[in-house]
N, C-alpha and C. Protein backbone atom coordinates (compact mmCIF):
# COMPACT_ATOMS: atom_id res chain seq x y z
N MET A 1 112.30 124.91 126.51
CA MET A 1 111.65 123.62 126.30
C MET A 1 112.69 122.59 125.84
N GLN A 2 112.63 121.39 126.41
CA GLN A 2 113.54 120.32 126.01
C GLN A 2 113.14 119.77 124.65
N LEU A 3 114.11 119.22 123.95
CA LEU A 3 113.88 118.72 122.59
C LEU A 3 112.72 117.74 122.52
N GLU A 4 112.64 116.86 123.51
CA GLU A 4 111.60 115.82 123.49
C GLU A 4 110.19 116.40 123.37
N GLN A 5 109.98 117.58 123.92
CA GLN A 5 108.66 118.18 123.93
C GLN A 5 108.26 118.76 122.57
N TYR A 6 109.19 118.79 121.63
CA TYR A 6 108.90 119.22 120.27
C TYR A 6 108.51 118.05 119.36
N ILE A 7 108.74 116.82 119.80
CA ILE A 7 108.75 115.68 118.89
C ILE A 7 107.38 115.01 118.73
N ASP A 8 106.98 114.86 117.45
CA ASP A 8 105.90 113.95 117.08
C ASP A 8 106.59 112.67 116.60
N TYR A 9 106.59 111.65 117.44
CA TYR A 9 107.31 110.40 117.15
C TYR A 9 106.43 109.57 116.22
N THR A 10 106.98 109.20 115.07
CA THR A 10 106.15 108.83 113.93
C THR A 10 106.43 107.43 113.41
N ASN A 11 105.35 106.70 113.11
CA ASN A 11 105.45 105.48 112.31
C ASN A 11 104.27 105.44 111.36
N LEU A 12 104.52 105.74 110.10
CA LEU A 12 103.48 105.75 109.07
C LEU A 12 103.75 104.71 108.00
N LYS A 13 104.61 103.76 108.31
CA LYS A 13 104.97 102.74 107.32
C LYS A 13 103.76 101.87 106.98
N PRO A 14 103.61 101.50 105.72
CA PRO A 14 102.47 100.67 105.34
C PRO A 14 102.50 99.28 105.95
N ASP A 15 103.69 98.83 106.33
CA ASP A 15 103.80 97.49 106.91
C ASP A 15 103.96 97.52 108.43
N ALA A 16 103.65 98.66 109.05
CA ALA A 16 103.74 98.74 110.52
C ALA A 16 102.76 97.76 111.16
N THR A 17 103.24 96.97 112.09
CA THR A 17 102.40 96.00 112.80
C THR A 17 101.91 96.57 114.12
N ARG A 18 100.99 95.86 114.73
CA ARG A 18 100.53 96.27 116.06
C ARG A 18 101.71 96.35 117.04
N ALA A 19 102.61 95.37 116.94
CA ALA A 19 103.78 95.37 117.83
C ALA A 19 104.65 96.61 117.60
N ASP A 20 104.78 97.02 116.35
CA ASP A 20 105.55 98.22 116.04
C ASP A 20 104.93 99.46 116.69
N ILE A 21 103.61 99.55 116.61
CA ILE A 21 102.91 100.71 117.18
C ILE A 21 102.97 100.67 118.71
N GLU A 22 102.89 99.51 119.28
CA GLU A 22 103.03 99.39 120.74
C GLU A 22 104.42 99.86 121.17
N GLU A 23 105.45 99.53 120.41
CA GLU A 23 106.80 99.97 120.71
C GLU A 23 106.92 101.48 120.55
N LEU A 24 106.28 102.02 119.52
CA LEU A 24 106.27 103.47 119.30
C LEU A 24 105.72 104.19 120.53
N CYS A 25 104.60 103.70 121.03
CA CYS A 25 103.96 104.33 122.20
C CYS A 25 104.80 104.15 123.45
N LYS A 26 105.41 103.00 123.60
CA LYS A 26 106.26 102.74 124.77
C LYS A 26 107.42 103.74 124.82
N ILE A 27 108.08 103.93 123.69
CA ILE A 27 109.21 104.85 123.63
C ILE A 27 108.75 106.30 123.83
N ALA A 28 107.62 106.64 123.23
CA ALA A 28 107.09 108.01 123.37
C ALA A 28 106.81 108.33 124.83
N LYS A 29 106.26 107.38 125.56
CA LYS A 29 105.99 107.59 127.00
C LYS A 29 107.29 107.71 127.79
N GLU A 30 108.23 106.84 127.50
CA GLU A 30 109.50 106.85 128.24
C GLU A 30 110.25 108.17 128.03
N ARG A 31 110.18 108.71 126.84
CA ARG A 31 110.96 109.90 126.51
C ARG A 31 110.19 111.20 126.69
N GLY A 32 108.88 111.10 126.85
CA GLY A 32 108.10 112.31 127.05
C GLY A 32 107.90 113.13 125.79
N TYR A 33 107.71 112.45 124.67
CA TYR A 33 107.47 113.16 123.41
C TYR A 33 106.11 113.85 123.42
N ALA A 34 105.94 114.81 122.53
CA ALA A 34 104.67 115.55 122.46
C ALA A 34 103.53 114.64 122.01
N ASN A 35 103.76 113.92 120.91
CA ASN A 35 102.74 113.05 120.33
C ASN A 35 103.39 111.84 119.69
N VAL A 36 102.57 110.82 119.43
CA VAL A 36 102.88 109.87 118.38
C VAL A 36 102.08 110.29 117.17
N CYS A 37 102.56 109.95 115.98
CA CYS A 37 101.84 110.25 114.74
C CYS A 37 101.70 108.96 113.96
N VAL A 38 100.46 108.57 113.68
CA VAL A 38 100.17 107.26 113.10
C VAL A 38 99.09 107.37 112.03
N ASN A 39 98.92 106.28 111.30
CA ASN A 39 97.80 106.17 110.39
C ASN A 39 96.52 105.90 111.17
N GLY A 40 95.38 106.16 110.53
CA GLY A 40 94.10 106.12 111.21
C GLY A 40 93.75 104.79 111.86
N ALA A 41 94.21 103.70 111.27
CA ALA A 41 93.88 102.38 111.80
C ALA A 41 94.42 102.16 113.21
N TYR A 42 95.41 102.95 113.61
CA TYR A 42 96.04 102.73 114.92
C TYR A 42 95.73 103.81 115.95
N VAL A 43 94.85 104.73 115.62
CA VAL A 43 94.55 105.82 116.55
C VAL A 43 93.97 105.29 117.86
N ALA A 44 92.96 104.45 117.78
CA ALA A 44 92.29 103.96 119.00
C ALA A 44 93.27 103.18 119.88
N LEU A 45 94.11 102.37 119.27
CA LEU A 45 95.12 101.62 120.03
C LEU A 45 96.06 102.57 120.74
N CYS A 46 96.57 103.57 120.03
CA CYS A 46 97.49 104.53 120.64
C CYS A 46 96.84 105.29 121.78
N LYS A 47 95.60 105.68 121.58
CA LYS A 47 94.89 106.41 122.64
C LYS A 47 94.80 105.56 123.90
N GLN A 48 94.52 104.28 123.72
CA GLN A 48 94.43 103.36 124.86
C GLN A 48 95.79 103.19 125.54
N LEU A 49 96.83 103.00 124.74
CA LEU A 49 98.17 102.76 125.29
C LEU A 49 98.76 103.99 125.97
N LEU A 50 98.36 105.18 125.51
CA LEU A 50 98.96 106.41 126.01
C LEU A 50 98.11 107.12 127.07
N ARG A 51 96.98 106.56 127.41
CA ARG A 51 96.08 107.21 128.37
C ARG A 51 96.81 107.55 129.66
N GLY A 52 96.71 108.81 130.07
CA GLY A 52 97.31 109.26 131.31
C GLY A 52 98.79 109.58 131.24
N SER A 53 99.39 109.43 130.05
CA SER A 53 100.84 109.62 129.92
C SER A 53 101.23 111.06 129.60
N GLY A 54 100.27 111.84 129.09
CA GLY A 54 100.60 113.19 128.63
C GLY A 54 101.06 113.24 127.19
N VAL A 55 101.22 112.09 126.56
CA VAL A 55 101.58 112.02 125.14
C VAL A 55 100.31 112.00 124.31
N GLY A 56 100.21 112.88 123.33
CA GLY A 56 99.03 112.94 122.49
C GLY A 56 99.12 112.01 121.30
N VAL A 57 98.00 111.95 120.55
CA VAL A 57 97.93 111.12 119.34
C VAL A 57 97.61 112.02 118.15
N ALA A 58 98.48 112.00 117.15
CA ALA A 58 98.24 112.70 115.89
C ALA A 58 97.97 111.67 114.81
N CYS A 59 97.10 112.02 113.88
CA CYS A 59 96.72 111.09 112.81
C CYS A 59 96.83 111.79 111.46
N VAL A 60 97.38 111.09 110.48
CA VAL A 60 97.46 111.65 109.13
C VAL A 60 96.15 111.44 108.38
N VAL A 61 95.87 112.37 107.47
CA VAL A 61 94.64 112.37 106.68
C VAL A 61 95.00 112.71 105.23
N GLY A 62 94.40 112.00 104.28
CA GLY A 62 94.71 112.23 102.88
C GLY A 62 96.15 111.89 102.57
N PHE A 63 96.68 110.94 103.28
CA PHE A 63 98.12 110.65 103.26
C PHE A 63 98.45 109.51 102.30
N PRO A 64 99.54 109.59 101.55
CA PRO A 64 100.53 110.66 101.51
C PRO A 64 100.38 111.64 100.34
N LEU A 65 99.35 111.47 99.51
CA LEU A 65 99.29 112.23 98.26
C LEU A 65 98.51 113.53 98.34
N GLY A 66 97.55 113.61 99.26
CA GLY A 66 96.71 114.80 99.33
C GLY A 66 95.66 114.87 98.25
N ALA A 67 95.50 113.79 97.49
CA ALA A 67 94.64 113.80 96.31
C ALA A 67 93.25 113.22 96.55
N SER A 68 92.90 112.93 97.80
CA SER A 68 91.53 112.51 98.12
C SER A 68 90.58 113.70 97.97
N THR A 69 89.31 113.42 97.79
CA THR A 69 88.34 114.51 97.76
C THR A 69 88.22 115.15 99.13
N THR A 70 87.74 116.36 99.14
CA THR A 70 87.55 117.07 100.41
C THR A 70 86.64 116.29 101.34
N GLU A 71 85.57 115.73 100.80
CA GLU A 71 84.61 114.99 101.63
C GLU A 71 85.28 113.80 102.30
N VAL A 72 86.14 113.11 101.58
CA VAL A 72 86.83 111.95 102.14
C VAL A 72 87.81 112.39 103.23
N LYS A 73 88.55 113.45 102.98
CA LYS A 73 89.47 113.96 103.99
C LYS A 73 88.72 114.37 105.25
N ALA A 74 87.60 115.06 105.08
CA ALA A 74 86.82 115.52 106.24
C ALA A 74 86.29 114.33 107.04
N PHE A 75 85.79 113.32 106.35
CA PHE A 75 85.29 112.13 107.04
C PHE A 75 86.42 111.43 107.78
N GLU A 76 87.55 111.29 107.12
CA GLU A 76 88.71 110.63 107.72
C GLU A 76 89.16 111.36 108.98
N ALA A 77 89.18 112.69 108.91
CA ALA A 77 89.59 113.48 110.07
C ALA A 77 88.60 113.33 111.22
N ALA A 78 87.31 113.41 110.91
CA ALA A 78 86.29 113.28 111.95
C ALA A 78 86.35 111.90 112.61
N LYS A 79 86.55 110.88 111.81
CA LYS A 79 86.64 109.52 112.35
C LYS A 79 87.86 109.37 113.25
N ALA A 80 88.98 109.96 112.84
CA ALA A 80 90.19 109.89 113.66
C ALA A 80 89.97 110.54 115.03
N VAL A 81 89.29 111.69 115.03
CA VAL A 81 89.01 112.37 116.30
C VAL A 81 88.05 111.54 117.15
N GLU A 82 87.07 110.94 116.50
CA GLU A 82 86.15 110.05 117.23
C GLU A 82 86.90 108.91 117.89
N ASP A 83 87.94 108.42 117.23
CA ASP A 83 88.73 107.32 117.77
C ASP A 83 89.76 107.76 118.79
N GLY A 84 89.94 109.09 118.95
CA GLY A 84 90.82 109.58 120.01
C GLY A 84 91.96 110.48 119.57
N ALA A 85 92.03 110.85 118.28
CA ALA A 85 93.12 111.71 117.83
C ALA A 85 93.01 113.10 118.45
N ASP A 86 94.13 113.61 118.90
CA ASP A 86 94.21 114.95 119.47
C ASP A 86 94.60 115.98 118.42
N GLU A 87 95.26 115.54 117.35
CA GLU A 87 95.71 116.41 116.28
C GLU A 87 95.58 115.69 114.95
N ILE A 88 95.39 116.47 113.89
CA ILE A 88 95.28 115.94 112.54
C ILE A 88 96.39 116.54 111.67
N ASP A 89 97.07 115.67 110.93
CA ASP A 89 98.08 116.10 109.96
C ASP A 89 97.54 115.77 108.56
N MET A 90 96.94 116.76 107.90
CA MET A 90 96.35 116.51 106.57
C MET A 90 97.33 116.92 105.47
N VAL A 91 97.26 116.19 104.37
CA VAL A 91 98.06 116.57 103.20
C VAL A 91 97.25 117.53 102.34
N MET A 92 97.85 118.66 102.06
CA MET A 92 97.24 119.67 101.20
C MET A 92 96.98 119.08 99.81
N ALA A 93 96.03 119.67 99.10
CA ALA A 93 95.77 119.29 97.71
C ALA A 93 96.89 119.89 96.86
N VAL A 94 98.00 119.17 96.79
CA VAL A 94 99.23 119.69 96.18
C VAL A 94 99.02 120.04 94.71
N GLY A 95 98.35 119.15 93.98
CA GLY A 95 98.13 119.40 92.57
C GLY A 95 97.30 120.64 92.32
N ALA A 96 96.30 120.85 93.16
CA ALA A 96 95.46 122.04 93.03
C ALA A 96 96.28 123.30 93.27
N LEU A 97 97.14 123.27 94.26
CA LEU A 97 97.99 124.44 94.53
C LEU A 97 98.90 124.72 93.34
N LYS A 98 99.56 123.67 92.82
CA LYS A 98 100.47 123.86 91.70
C LYS A 98 99.72 124.34 90.46
N GLY A 99 98.45 123.97 90.34
CA GLY A 99 97.65 124.40 89.21
C GLY A 99 97.03 125.77 89.37
N GLY A 100 97.27 126.39 90.53
CA GLY A 100 96.77 127.74 90.77
C GLY A 100 95.35 127.83 91.29
N ASP A 101 94.76 126.70 91.68
CA ASP A 101 93.39 126.71 92.20
C ASP A 101 93.43 126.92 93.71
N PHE A 102 93.80 128.13 94.11
CA PHE A 102 94.01 128.42 95.52
C PHE A 102 92.71 128.36 96.33
N ASP A 103 91.59 128.69 95.71
CA ASP A 103 90.31 128.63 96.42
C ASP A 103 89.98 127.19 96.81
N TYR A 104 90.24 126.26 95.91
CA TYR A 104 89.99 124.85 96.24
C TYR A 104 90.86 124.41 97.40
N VAL A 105 92.13 124.77 97.36
CA VAL A 105 93.04 124.39 98.44
C VAL A 105 92.55 124.95 99.77
N ALA A 106 92.14 126.21 99.76
CA ALA A 106 91.65 126.84 100.99
C ALA A 106 90.40 126.17 101.52
N LYS A 107 89.47 125.87 100.64
CA LYS A 107 88.22 125.22 101.06
C LYS A 107 88.48 123.81 101.56
N ASP A 108 89.42 123.12 100.96
CA ASP A 108 89.79 121.77 101.38
C ASP A 108 90.30 121.79 102.82
N ILE A 109 91.18 122.72 103.12
CA ILE A 109 91.72 122.85 104.47
C ILE A 109 90.64 123.25 105.46
N ALA A 110 89.84 124.24 105.09
CA ALA A 110 88.79 124.73 105.99
C ALA A 110 87.78 123.64 106.32
N ALA A 111 87.46 122.81 105.34
CA ALA A 111 86.50 121.73 105.57
C ALA A 111 87.03 120.70 106.56
N VAL A 112 88.31 120.39 106.46
CA VAL A 112 88.90 119.43 107.39
C VAL A 112 88.98 120.03 108.80
N LYS A 113 89.33 121.29 108.89
CA LYS A 113 89.35 121.95 110.20
C LYS A 113 87.97 121.94 110.83
N HIS A 114 86.95 122.24 110.05
CA HIS A 114 85.58 122.23 110.57
C HIS A 114 85.18 120.83 111.02
N ALA A 115 85.58 119.83 110.27
CA ALA A 115 85.20 118.45 110.59
C ALA A 115 85.90 117.91 111.83
N CYS A 116 87.14 118.34 112.05
CA CYS A 116 87.90 117.73 113.15
C CYS A 116 87.84 118.55 114.44
N GLY A 117 87.89 119.86 114.34
CA GLY A 117 87.80 120.71 115.52
C GLY A 117 88.97 120.60 116.48
N VAL A 118 90.09 120.02 116.04
CA VAL A 118 91.28 119.92 116.89
C VAL A 118 92.44 120.59 116.15
N THR A 119 93.62 120.56 116.75
CA THR A 119 94.79 121.14 116.11
C THR A 119 95.00 120.52 114.73
N LEU A 120 95.09 121.38 113.72
CA LEU A 120 95.23 120.91 112.34
C LEU A 120 96.57 121.34 111.77
N LYS A 121 97.38 120.35 111.37
CA LYS A 121 98.62 120.61 110.66
C LYS A 121 98.37 120.33 109.18
N VAL A 122 98.86 121.21 108.32
CA VAL A 122 98.68 121.03 106.88
C VAL A 122 100.04 120.74 106.26
N ILE A 123 100.16 119.57 105.66
CA ILE A 123 101.41 119.15 105.02
C ILE A 123 101.43 119.70 103.60
N ILE A 124 102.38 120.57 103.31
CA ILE A 124 102.40 121.24 102.00
C ILE A 124 103.29 120.51 100.98
N GLU A 125 104.07 119.53 101.41
CA GLU A 125 104.99 118.76 100.56
C GLU A 125 105.92 119.70 99.78
N GLU A 126 106.75 120.38 100.54
CA GLU A 126 107.59 121.46 100.02
C GLU A 126 108.50 121.04 98.87
N CYS A 127 108.92 119.77 98.83
CA CYS A 127 109.85 119.35 97.78
C CYS A 127 109.22 119.38 96.39
N LEU A 128 107.88 119.45 96.32
CA LEU A 128 107.19 119.50 95.04
C LEU A 128 106.83 120.92 94.62
N LEU A 129 107.20 121.91 95.44
CA LEU A 129 106.78 123.29 95.22
C LEU A 129 107.96 124.21 94.95
N THR A 130 107.68 125.28 94.22
CA THR A 130 108.65 126.37 94.08
C THR A 130 108.62 127.22 95.35
N ASP A 131 109.59 128.11 95.49
CA ASP A 131 109.59 129.01 96.63
C ASP A 131 108.31 129.83 96.69
N GLU A 132 107.85 130.30 95.54
CA GLU A 132 106.62 131.10 95.49
C GLU A 132 105.41 130.27 95.92
N GLN A 133 105.39 129.00 95.52
CA GLN A 133 104.28 128.13 95.90
C GLN A 133 104.31 127.78 97.38
N ILE A 134 105.51 127.64 97.95
CA ILE A 134 105.61 127.41 99.40
C ILE A 134 105.04 128.61 100.15
N ALA A 135 105.39 129.80 99.72
CA ALA A 135 104.87 131.01 100.36
C ALA A 135 103.35 131.08 100.23
N GLU A 136 102.84 130.78 99.06
CA GLU A 136 101.39 130.82 98.84
C GLU A 136 100.68 129.78 99.71
N ALA A 137 101.26 128.58 99.81
CA ALA A 137 100.67 127.54 100.65
C ALA A 137 100.58 127.99 102.10
N ALA A 138 101.62 128.63 102.60
CA ALA A 138 101.60 129.13 103.98
C ALA A 138 100.52 130.17 104.17
N LYS A 139 100.37 131.07 103.21
CA LYS A 139 99.34 132.11 103.31
C LYS A 139 97.95 131.49 103.29
N ILE A 140 97.75 130.47 102.46
CA ILE A 140 96.45 129.79 102.41
C ILE A 140 96.14 129.12 103.75
N CYS A 141 97.16 128.53 104.36
CA CYS A 141 96.96 127.90 105.67
C CYS A 141 96.47 128.92 106.69
N VAL A 142 97.01 130.11 106.64
CA VAL A 142 96.61 131.16 107.58
C VAL A 142 95.13 131.47 107.43
N ARG A 143 94.69 131.69 106.21
CA ARG A 143 93.31 132.14 106.01
C ARG A 143 92.28 131.00 106.03
N SER A 144 92.77 129.77 106.12
CA SER A 144 91.86 128.62 106.09
C SER A 144 91.62 128.00 107.45
N GLY A 145 92.25 128.54 108.49
CA GLY A 145 92.00 128.04 109.84
C GLY A 145 92.94 126.96 110.31
N ALA A 146 94.02 126.70 109.56
CA ALA A 146 95.01 125.74 110.02
C ALA A 146 95.74 126.28 111.25
N ASP A 147 96.36 125.38 111.98
CA ASP A 147 97.11 125.77 113.17
C ASP A 147 98.62 125.68 112.97
N ILE A 148 99.04 124.75 112.14
CA ILE A 148 100.47 124.48 111.93
C ILE A 148 100.69 124.16 110.45
N VAL A 149 101.76 124.73 109.88
CA VAL A 149 102.18 124.38 108.52
C VAL A 149 103.29 123.33 108.64
N LYS A 150 103.09 122.21 107.98
CA LYS A 150 104.05 121.10 108.05
C LYS A 150 104.75 120.95 106.71
N THR A 151 106.05 120.73 106.73
CA THR A 151 106.84 120.77 105.51
C THR A 151 106.58 119.61 104.55
N SER A 152 106.50 118.40 105.09
CA SER A 152 106.64 117.23 104.22
C SER A 152 105.95 116.00 104.80
N THR A 153 105.63 115.06 103.90
CA THR A 153 105.13 113.76 104.35
C THR A 153 106.26 112.83 104.76
N GLY A 154 107.44 113.03 104.15
CA GLY A 154 108.52 112.06 104.31
C GLY A 154 108.41 110.91 103.33
N PHE A 155 107.37 110.93 102.48
CA PHE A 155 107.13 109.85 101.52
C PHE A 155 107.33 110.31 100.08
N SER A 156 107.71 111.56 99.86
CA SER A 156 107.96 112.04 98.51
C SER A 156 109.46 112.05 98.25
N LYS A 157 109.94 112.84 97.30
CA LYS A 157 111.33 112.73 96.86
C LYS A 157 112.33 113.40 97.80
N ALA A 158 111.86 114.20 98.74
CA ALA A 158 112.75 114.82 99.73
C ALA A 158 111.93 115.27 100.93
N GLY A 159 112.63 115.57 102.02
CA GLY A 159 111.96 115.99 103.24
C GLY A 159 112.16 117.47 103.53
N ALA A 160 112.21 117.80 104.80
CA ALA A 160 112.27 119.20 105.23
C ALA A 160 113.61 119.84 104.88
N THR A 161 113.55 121.14 104.57
CA THR A 161 114.77 121.92 104.36
C THR A 161 114.69 123.20 105.19
N LEU A 162 115.83 123.68 105.60
CA LEU A 162 115.88 124.93 106.35
C LEU A 162 115.42 126.10 105.48
N HIS A 163 115.69 126.02 104.20
CA HIS A 163 115.26 127.08 103.28
C HIS A 163 113.74 127.21 103.28
N ALA A 164 113.05 126.08 103.22
CA ALA A 164 111.59 126.12 103.23
C ALA A 164 111.05 126.65 104.55
N ILE A 165 111.70 126.30 105.65
CA ILE A 165 111.28 126.83 106.95
C ILE A 165 111.33 128.35 106.96
N GLU A 166 112.36 128.91 106.38
CA GLU A 166 112.49 130.36 106.31
C GLU A 166 111.33 130.98 105.53
N ILE A 167 110.98 130.36 104.41
CA ILE A 167 109.88 130.88 103.59
C ILE A 167 108.55 130.77 104.33
N ILE A 168 108.32 129.62 104.93
CA ILE A 168 107.07 129.42 105.68
C ILE A 168 106.97 130.43 106.82
N LYS A 169 108.05 130.58 107.56
CA LYS A 169 108.05 131.49 108.71
C LYS A 169 107.70 132.92 108.28
N ALA A 170 108.17 133.32 107.11
CA ALA A 170 107.93 134.69 106.62
C ALA A 170 106.49 134.90 106.15
N ASN A 171 105.73 133.79 105.99
CA ASN A 171 104.40 133.90 105.39
C ASN A 171 103.28 133.26 106.20
N CYS A 172 103.58 132.69 107.37
CA CYS A 172 102.55 131.94 108.09
C CYS A 172 102.00 132.67 109.31
N GLY A 173 102.36 133.94 109.49
CA GLY A 173 101.81 134.69 110.61
C GLY A 173 102.14 134.03 111.94
N ASP A 174 101.11 133.82 112.75
CA ASP A 174 101.30 133.24 114.08
C ASP A 174 101.18 131.71 114.10
N LEU A 175 101.02 131.10 112.93
CA LEU A 175 100.88 129.65 112.90
C LEU A 175 102.18 128.97 113.31
N GLY A 176 102.05 127.77 113.84
CA GLY A 176 103.23 126.98 114.13
C GLY A 176 103.80 126.38 112.86
N ILE A 177 104.99 125.82 112.97
CA ILE A 177 105.67 125.18 111.84
C ILE A 177 106.19 123.82 112.29
N LYS A 178 105.84 122.78 111.52
CA LYS A 178 106.35 121.45 111.80
C LYS A 178 107.30 121.03 110.69
N ALA A 179 108.53 120.73 111.06
CA ALA A 179 109.51 120.20 110.12
C ALA A 179 109.49 118.68 110.21
N ALA A 180 109.34 118.03 109.07
CA ALA A 180 109.26 116.57 109.05
C ALA A 180 109.87 116.05 107.76
N GLY A 181 110.42 114.85 107.86
CA GLY A 181 111.02 114.22 106.70
C GLY A 181 112.52 114.34 106.71
N GLY A 182 113.21 113.24 107.02
CA GLY A 182 114.66 113.22 106.96
C GLY A 182 115.38 113.74 108.18
N ILE A 183 114.67 113.99 109.26
CA ILE A 183 115.30 114.49 110.49
C ILE A 183 115.64 113.28 111.36
N ARG A 184 116.91 112.94 111.41
CA ARG A 184 117.32 111.67 112.01
C ARG A 184 118.24 111.80 113.22
N ASP A 185 118.58 113.04 113.60
CA ASP A 185 119.43 113.19 114.78
C ASP A 185 119.08 114.49 115.50
N ALA A 186 119.51 114.59 116.74
CA ALA A 186 119.13 115.72 117.59
C ALA A 186 119.69 117.04 117.08
N ASP A 187 120.90 117.02 116.56
CA ASP A 187 121.50 118.27 116.07
C ASP A 187 120.70 118.84 114.91
N THR A 188 120.27 117.99 114.01
CA THR A 188 119.44 118.44 112.89
C THR A 188 118.12 119.00 113.39
N ALA A 189 117.51 118.30 114.34
CA ALA A 189 116.25 118.78 114.91
C ALA A 189 116.41 120.16 115.53
N ARG A 190 117.47 120.35 116.27
CA ARG A 190 117.71 121.64 116.91
C ARG A 190 117.93 122.75 115.88
N ALA A 191 118.59 122.41 114.78
CA ALA A 191 118.80 123.40 113.72
C ALA A 191 117.47 123.87 113.14
N PHE A 192 116.53 122.95 112.98
CA PHE A 192 115.21 123.32 112.48
C PHE A 192 114.45 124.16 113.51
N ILE A 193 114.59 123.85 114.76
CA ILE A 193 113.94 124.63 115.81
C ILE A 193 114.50 126.04 115.84
N GLU A 194 115.81 126.16 115.73
CA GLU A 194 116.44 127.48 115.70
C GLU A 194 115.98 128.29 114.49
N ALA A 195 115.66 127.60 113.39
CA ALA A 195 115.20 128.27 112.18
C ALA A 195 113.73 128.69 112.27
N GLY A 196 113.00 128.14 113.25
CA GLY A 196 111.61 128.55 113.42
C GLY A 196 110.60 127.44 113.60
N ALA A 197 111.04 126.18 113.50
CA ALA A 197 110.10 125.08 113.69
C ALA A 197 109.64 125.01 115.15
N THR A 198 108.35 124.79 115.33
CA THR A 198 107.78 124.65 116.66
C THR A 198 107.42 123.20 116.98
N ARG A 199 107.55 122.34 115.98
CA ARG A 199 107.31 120.90 116.14
C ARG A 199 108.21 120.16 115.16
N ILE A 200 108.65 118.97 115.57
CA ILE A 200 109.51 118.14 114.73
C ILE A 200 108.84 116.78 114.56
N GLY A 201 108.72 116.35 113.32
CA GLY A 201 108.24 114.99 113.05
C GLY A 201 109.42 114.09 112.77
N ALA A 202 109.52 112.98 113.47
CA ALA A 202 110.68 112.09 113.31
C ALA A 202 110.31 110.65 113.61
N SER A 203 110.84 109.76 112.81
CA SER A 203 110.69 108.33 113.09
C SER A 203 111.89 107.78 113.84
N ALA A 204 112.96 108.57 113.90
CA ALA A 204 114.14 108.20 114.68
C ALA A 204 113.97 108.66 116.12
N LYS A 205 114.61 107.95 117.04
CA LYS A 205 114.58 108.32 118.45
C LYS A 205 115.56 109.47 118.67
N LEU A 206 115.05 110.65 118.94
CA LEU A 206 115.89 111.83 119.11
C LEU A 206 116.07 112.16 120.60
């Protein structure tokens, strides 16, 4: 598979304009990326711009903190799918995981999966977790119906690391792995793929 087919081309900036999103979609079509990844307000626009191109639309939910209630995350995910999202990238309840409330984290993920019914990526925000917590997060994703474990939002204190990919890979069973945050060139992206990533999130043109 060529590198472009791994890429979720991303613009989640709070000041992203319609023109910025139109440019995102234009480049994604030209390069043949897997998806664009956007905030919910731009899902319908992206779906319209990308129709017939083969490029999908991914939408973030509970972004970037993961601290919304389960009901709000589920509604947000369902609305995104109604507007045309093909995939959902939800932020895990990071504080609940760090506090040891694994049942809450699992139910939060399962509820969003039930609400959206499409490919669900769970952002675990690895830079805020210990190695043991990264492993536990991956295991929870497996039993909660997630499809892909995603490393990072790109909005916290650090992004993806190869070390975290190794831990996730050892604990996520058959789930996919998305590396995101700080991946700015093709060589770095390929290194993450070689380590086990099945999807790359990037705002840079790779």
